C-alpha atoms as a PDB file:
ATOM      1  CA  MET A   1      39.247 -73.629  65.399  1.00  0.00           C
ATOM      2  CA  ARG A   2      38.173 -70.776  67.661  1.00  0.00           C
ATOM      3  CA  GLN A   3      40.825 -71.749  70.224  1.00  0.00           C
ATOM      4  CA  ALA A   4      43.539 -71.754  67.558  1.00  0.00           C
ATOM      5  CA  LEU A   5      42.502 -68.289  66.374  1.00  0.00           C
ATOM      6  CA  TYR A   6      42.498 -67.009  69.954  1.00  0.00           C
ATOM      7  CA  LEU A   7      45.979 -68.469  70.548  1.00  0.00           C
ATOM      8  CA  LEU A   8      47.328 -66.838  67.368  1.00  0.00           C
ATOM      9  CA  MET A   9      45.911 -63.468  68.434  1.00  0.00           C
ATOM     10  CA  MET A  10      47.481 -63.801  71.893  1.00  0.00           C
ATOM     11  CA  LEU A  11      50.877 -64.705  70.423  1.00  0.00           C
ATOM     12  CA  ALA A  12      50.730 -61.772  68.008  1.00  0.00           C
ATOM     13  CA  GLY A  13      49.936 -59.457  70.915  1.00  0.00           C
ATOM     14  CA  ILE A  14      52.802 -60.806  73.002  1.00  0.00           C
ATOM     15  CA  ALA A  15      55.218 -60.472  70.076  1.00  0.00           C
ATOM     16  CA  ALA A  16      54.127 -56.900  69.430  1.00  0.00           C
ATOM     17  CA  MET A  17      54.660 -55.943  73.078  1.00  0.00           C
ATOM     18  CA  GLY A  18      58.405 -56.473  72.826  1.00  0.00           C
ATOM     19  CA  CYS A  19      58.906 -54.357  69.704  1.00  0.00           C
ATOM     20  CA  GLU A  20      59.717 -50.671  69.550  1.00  0.00           C
ATOM     21  CA  PRO A  21      57.022 -48.833  67.635  1.00  0.00           C
ATOM     22  CA  THR A  22      57.791 -47.567  64.153  1.00  0.00           C
ATOM     23  CA  MET A  23      55.957 -45.702  61.387  1.00  0.00           C
ATOM     24  CA  ASP A  24      56.034 -45.133  57.647  1.00  0.00           C
ATOM     25  CA  LEU A  25      57.958 -41.898  57.190  1.00  0.00           C
ATOM     26  CA  PRO A  26      56.525 -39.153  55.000  1.00  0.00           C
ATOM     27  CA  PRO A  27      58.389 -38.437  51.744  1.00  0.00           C
ATOM     28  CA  GLY A  28      61.480 -36.274  52.260  1.00  0.00           C
ATOM     29  CA  PHE A  29      62.159 -37.368  55.864  1.00  0.00           C
ATOM     30  CA  VAL A  30      65.345 -38.997  57.122  1.00  0.00           C
ATOM     31  CA  GLU A  31      65.596 -40.987  60.336  1.00  0.00           C
ATOM     32  CA  VAL A  32      68.071 -39.511  62.822  1.00  0.00           C
ATOM     33  CA  ASP A  33      69.952 -40.982  65.762  1.00  0.00           C
ATOM     34  CA  ARG A  34      68.072 -41.006  69.025  1.00  0.00           C
ATOM     35  CA  ASP A  35      70.912 -40.822  71.503  1.00  0.00           C
ATOM     36  CA  ASP A  36      68.808 -39.175  74.192  1.00  0.00           C
ATOM     37  CA  GLY A  37      66.684 -42.302  74.677  1.00  0.00           C
ATOM     38  CA  GLU A  38      63.475 -40.250  74.850  1.00  0.00           C
ATOM     39  CA  TYR A  39      62.178 -41.393  71.444  1.00  0.00           C
ATOM     40  CA  ASP A  40      61.792 -44.861  69.941  1.00  0.00           C
ATOM     41  CA  MET A  41      62.124 -43.289  66.491  1.00  0.00           C
ATOM     42  CA  ARG A  42      62.750 -39.762  65.234  1.00  0.00           C
ATOM     43  CA  ALA A  43      63.075 -38.266  61.736  1.00  0.00           C
ATOM     44  CA  VAL A  44      63.456 -34.791  60.237  1.00  0.00           C
ATOM     45  CA  SER A  45      62.791 -33.027  56.929  1.00  0.00           C
ATOM     46  CA  ALA A  46      65.088 -30.478  55.287  1.00  0.00           C
ATOM     47  CA  GLU A  47      62.456 -27.829  56.142  1.00  0.00           C
ATOM     48  CA  GLY A  48      62.819 -28.499  59.877  1.00  0.00           C
ATOM     49  CA  VAL A  49      59.690 -30.583  60.451  1.00  0.00           C
ATOM     50  CA  VAL A  50      60.264 -33.382  62.949  1.00  0.00           C
ATOM     51  CA  VAL A  51      58.350 -36.638  63.480  1.00  0.00           C
ATOM     52  CA  GLY A  52      58.847 -39.027  66.347  1.00  0.00           C
ATOM     53  CA  ILE A  53      57.410 -41.877  68.360  1.00  0.00           C
ATOM     54  CA  ARG A  54      57.584 -42.331  72.114  1.00  0.00           C
ATOM     55  CA  SER A  55      56.224 -45.182  74.160  1.00  0.00           C
ATOM     56  CA  GLU A  56      55.686 -45.425  77.873  1.00  0.00           C
ATOM     57  CA  PRO A  57      54.595 -48.278  80.111  1.00  0.00           C
ATOM     58  CA  ASN A  58      50.937 -48.293  81.094  1.00  0.00           C
ATOM     59  CA  PRO A  59      51.107 -50.608  84.129  1.00  0.00           C
ATOM     60  CA  LYS A  60      47.833 -49.398  85.635  1.00  0.00           C
ATOM     61  CA  GLN A  61      46.203 -49.737  82.221  1.00  0.00           C
ATOM     62  CA  GLY A  62      44.878 -46.191  81.953  1.00  0.00           C
ATOM     63  CA  GLY A  63      42.426 -45.866  79.092  1.00  0.00           C
ATOM     64  CA  LEU A  64      42.690 -43.846  75.910  1.00  0.00           C
ATOM     65  CA  GLU A  65      40.589 -40.967  77.224  1.00  0.00           C
ATOM     66  CA  PHE A  66      42.816 -40.639  80.303  1.00  0.00           C
ATOM     67  CA  TRP A  67      46.013 -40.468  78.220  1.00  0.00           C
ATOM     68  CA  ALA A  68      44.540 -38.163  75.566  1.00  0.00           C
ATOM     69  CA  LYS A  69      43.420 -35.728  78.279  1.00  0.00           C
ATOM     70  CA  ALA A  70      46.836 -35.944  79.953  1.00  0.00           C
ATOM     71  CA  VAL A  71      48.622 -35.060  76.691  1.00  0.00           C
ATOM     72  CA  GLU A  72      46.163 -32.246  75.984  1.00  0.00           C
ATOM     73  CA  LYS A  73      46.549 -30.839  79.503  1.00  0.00           C
ATOM     74  CA  GLU A  74      50.350 -30.927  79.261  1.00  0.00           C
ATOM     75  CA  LEU A  75      50.425 -29.144  75.916  1.00  0.00           C
ATOM     76  CA  ALA A  76      47.564 -26.686  76.381  1.00  0.00           C
ATOM     77  CA  GLY A  77      47.822 -26.137  80.108  1.00  0.00           C
ATOM     78  CA  ARG A  78      51.539 -26.173  80.787  1.00  0.00           C
ATOM     79  CA  ARG A  79      53.215 -25.413  77.469  1.00  0.00           C
ATOM     80  CA  GLY A  80      50.838 -22.800  76.063  1.00  0.00           C
ATOM     81  CA  TYR A  81      49.698 -24.634  72.925  1.00  0.00           C
ATOM     82  CA  ALA A  82      46.141 -24.040  71.665  1.00  0.00           C
ATOM     83  CA  LEU A  83      44.148 -27.123  70.681  1.00  0.00           C
ATOM     84  CA  SER A  84      42.867 -26.535  67.134  1.00  0.00           C
ATOM     85  CA  ALA A  85      41.415 -29.976  66.313  1.00  0.00           C
ATOM     86  CA  ARG A  86      40.719 -33.314  67.991  1.00  0.00           C
ATOM     87  CA  GLU A  87      39.504 -36.445  66.252  1.00  0.00           C
ATOM     88  CA  ASP A  88      38.978 -40.073  67.213  1.00  0.00           C
ATOM     89  CA  VAL A  89      40.884 -42.372  64.848  1.00  0.00           C
ATOM     90  CA  GLY A  90      41.307 -46.100  64.221  1.00  0.00           C
ATOM     91  CA  PRO A  91      41.207 -48.960  64.005  1.00  0.00           C
ATOM     92  CA  ALA A  92      43.343 -49.398  60.913  1.00  0.00           C
ATOM     93  CA  ILE A  93      46.731 -50.706  62.010  1.00  0.00           C
ATOM     94  CA  ASN A  94      46.293 -49.396  65.543  1.00  0.00           C
ATOM     95  CA  PRO A  95      43.639 -49.762  68.157  1.00  0.00           C
ATOM     96  CA  ASP A  96      41.415 -46.757  68.644  1.00  0.00           C
ATOM     97  CA  GLY A  97      43.337 -43.544  69.121  1.00  0.00           C
ATOM     98  CA  VAL A  98      43.039 -39.781  69.268  1.00  0.00           C
ATOM     99  CA  LEU A  99      44.677 -37.370  66.829  1.00  0.00           C
ATOM    100  CA  MET A 100      45.059 -33.765  67.996  1.00  0.00           C
ATOM    101  CA  SER A 101      46.441 -30.605  66.375  1.00  0.00           C
ATOM    102  CA  PHE A 102      47.908 -27.715  68.339  1.00  0.00           C
ATOM    103  CA  ASP A 103      49.186 -24.280  67.408  1.00  0.00           C
ATOM    104  CA  VAL A 104      51.537 -21.950  69.267  1.00  0.00           C
ATOM    105  CA  THR A 105      53.532 -18.816  68.518  1.00  0.00           C
ATOM    106  CA  LYS A 106      57.036 -18.617  69.980  1.00  0.00           C
ATOM    107  CA  GLN A 107      59.607 -15.941  69.206  1.00  0.00           C
ATOM    108  CA  ALA A 108      57.344 -14.506  66.464  1.00  0.00           C
ATOM    109  CA  THR A 109      57.124 -17.875  64.659  1.00  0.00           C
ATOM    110  CA  ASN A 110      53.923 -19.906  64.330  1.00  0.00           C
ATOM    111  CA  PHE A 111      54.314 -23.629  65.023  1.00  0.00           C
ATOM    112  CA  ARG A 112      51.964 -26.529  64.306  1.00  0.00           C
ATOM    113  CA  TYR A 113      52.103 -29.725  66.342  1.00  0.00           C
ATOM    114  CA  LEU A 114      50.212 -32.943  65.563  1.00  0.00           C
ATOM    115  CA  VAL A 115      50.009 -35.740  68.098  1.00  0.00           C
ATOM    116  CA  ALA A 116      48.382 -39.169  67.930  1.00  0.00           C
ATOM    117  CA  VAL A 117      47.835 -41.143  71.142  1.00  0.00           C
ATOM    118  CA  PHE A 118      47.264 -44.898  71.158  1.00  0.00           C
ATOM    119  CA  VAL A 119      46.910 -47.286  74.090  1.00  0.00           C
ATOM    120  CA  ARG A 120      47.911 -50.805  73.185  1.00  0.00           C
ATOM    121  CA  TYR A 121      48.603 -53.749  75.405  1.00  0.00           C
ATOM    122  CA  GLN A 122      50.402 -52.334  78.436  1.00  0.00           C
ATOM    123  CA  GLU A 123      51.931 -49.278  76.799  1.00  0.00           C
ATOM    124  CA  VAL A 124      50.969 -45.817  75.631  1.00  0.00           C
ATOM    125  CA  VAL A 125      52.302 -44.843  72.205  1.00  0.00           C
ATOM    126  CA  VAL A 126      52.544 -41.177  71.241  1.00  0.00           C
ATOM    127  CA  ALA A 127      53.358 -40.304  67.622  1.00  0.00           C
ATOM    128  CA  GLU A 128      54.068 -36.643  66.990  1.00  0.00           C
ATOM    129  CA  ALA A 129      55.008 -34.245  64.234  1.00  0.00           C
ATOM    130  CA  GLY A 130      55.754 -30.574  64.407  1.00  0.00           C
ATOM    131  CA  GLY A 131      57.621 -27.589  63.134  1.00  0.00           C
ATOM    132  CA  PRO A 132      57.106 -24.129  61.715  1.00  0.00           C
ATOM    133  CA  ALA A 133      53.480 -23.872  60.560  1.00  0.00           C
ATOM    134  CA  ASP A 134      54.485 -22.735  57.061  1.00  0.00           C
ATOM    135  CA  ALA A 135      56.535 -25.952  56.675  1.00  0.00           C
ATOM    136  CA  VAL A 136      53.948 -28.261  58.290  1.00  0.00           C
ATOM    137  CA  GLU A 137      50.803 -27.065  56.500  1.00  0.00           C
ATOM    138  CA  PRO A 138      51.780 -28.139  52.930  1.00  0.00           C
ATOM    139  CA  ILE A 139      52.594 -31.684  54.120  1.00  0.00           C
ATOM    140  CA  GLU A 140      50.010 -32.024  56.884  1.00  0.00           C
ATOM    141  CA  ALA A 141      48.105 -34.808  55.068  1.00  0.00           C
ATOM    142  CA  SER A 142      51.266 -36.935  54.714  1.00  0.00           C
ATOM    143  CA  LEU A 143      52.199 -36.251  58.350  1.00  0.00           C
ATOM    144  CA  ARG A 144      48.755 -37.415  59.433  1.00  0.00           C
ATOM    145  CA  THR A 145      49.139 -40.582  57.340  1.00  0.00           C
ATOM    146  CA  ALA A 146      52.535 -41.257  58.930  1.00  0.00           C
ATOM    147  CA  LEU A 147      51.259 -40.745  62.487  1.00  0.00           C
ATOM    148  CA  LEU A 148      48.373 -43.119  61.875  1.00  0.00           C
ATOM    149  CA  SER A 149      50.718 -45.770  60.403  1.00  0.00           C
ATOM    150  CA  VAL A 150      52.388 -46.418  63.764  1.00  0.00           C
ATOM    151  CA  ARG A 151      52.813 -50.112  64.416  1.00  0.00           C
END
């Protein structure tokens, strides 16, 4: 019995490796074409809030803390975003992950950016949402739910 359960878990893991990640979209979002190839999925609201999922190979099997720090360093160190919150999340659908919130002001507009990082199998999955802070804040709970629904 134990061997059968182990085999089923292995097959489920192998099947999941070949699938592009997806998420449950928040209400009011419409999926858009992803011609640039950078995103596995991307959607937008009428208010200009964008959600998306990217996945990258993780051939050296870097851990969650490595990838979370790399994302934080890119956003805070190179792009000028300020980290406003960081929280460990999971496991619901996903393995353990990190959910971070960032804020930045560009051209006199405040922006809010949420990013969830998951390491699963041999890939890193980054789910993100962002837009003008006044459009993100009223729906932040539903954005968080969407980011954590990645599968």
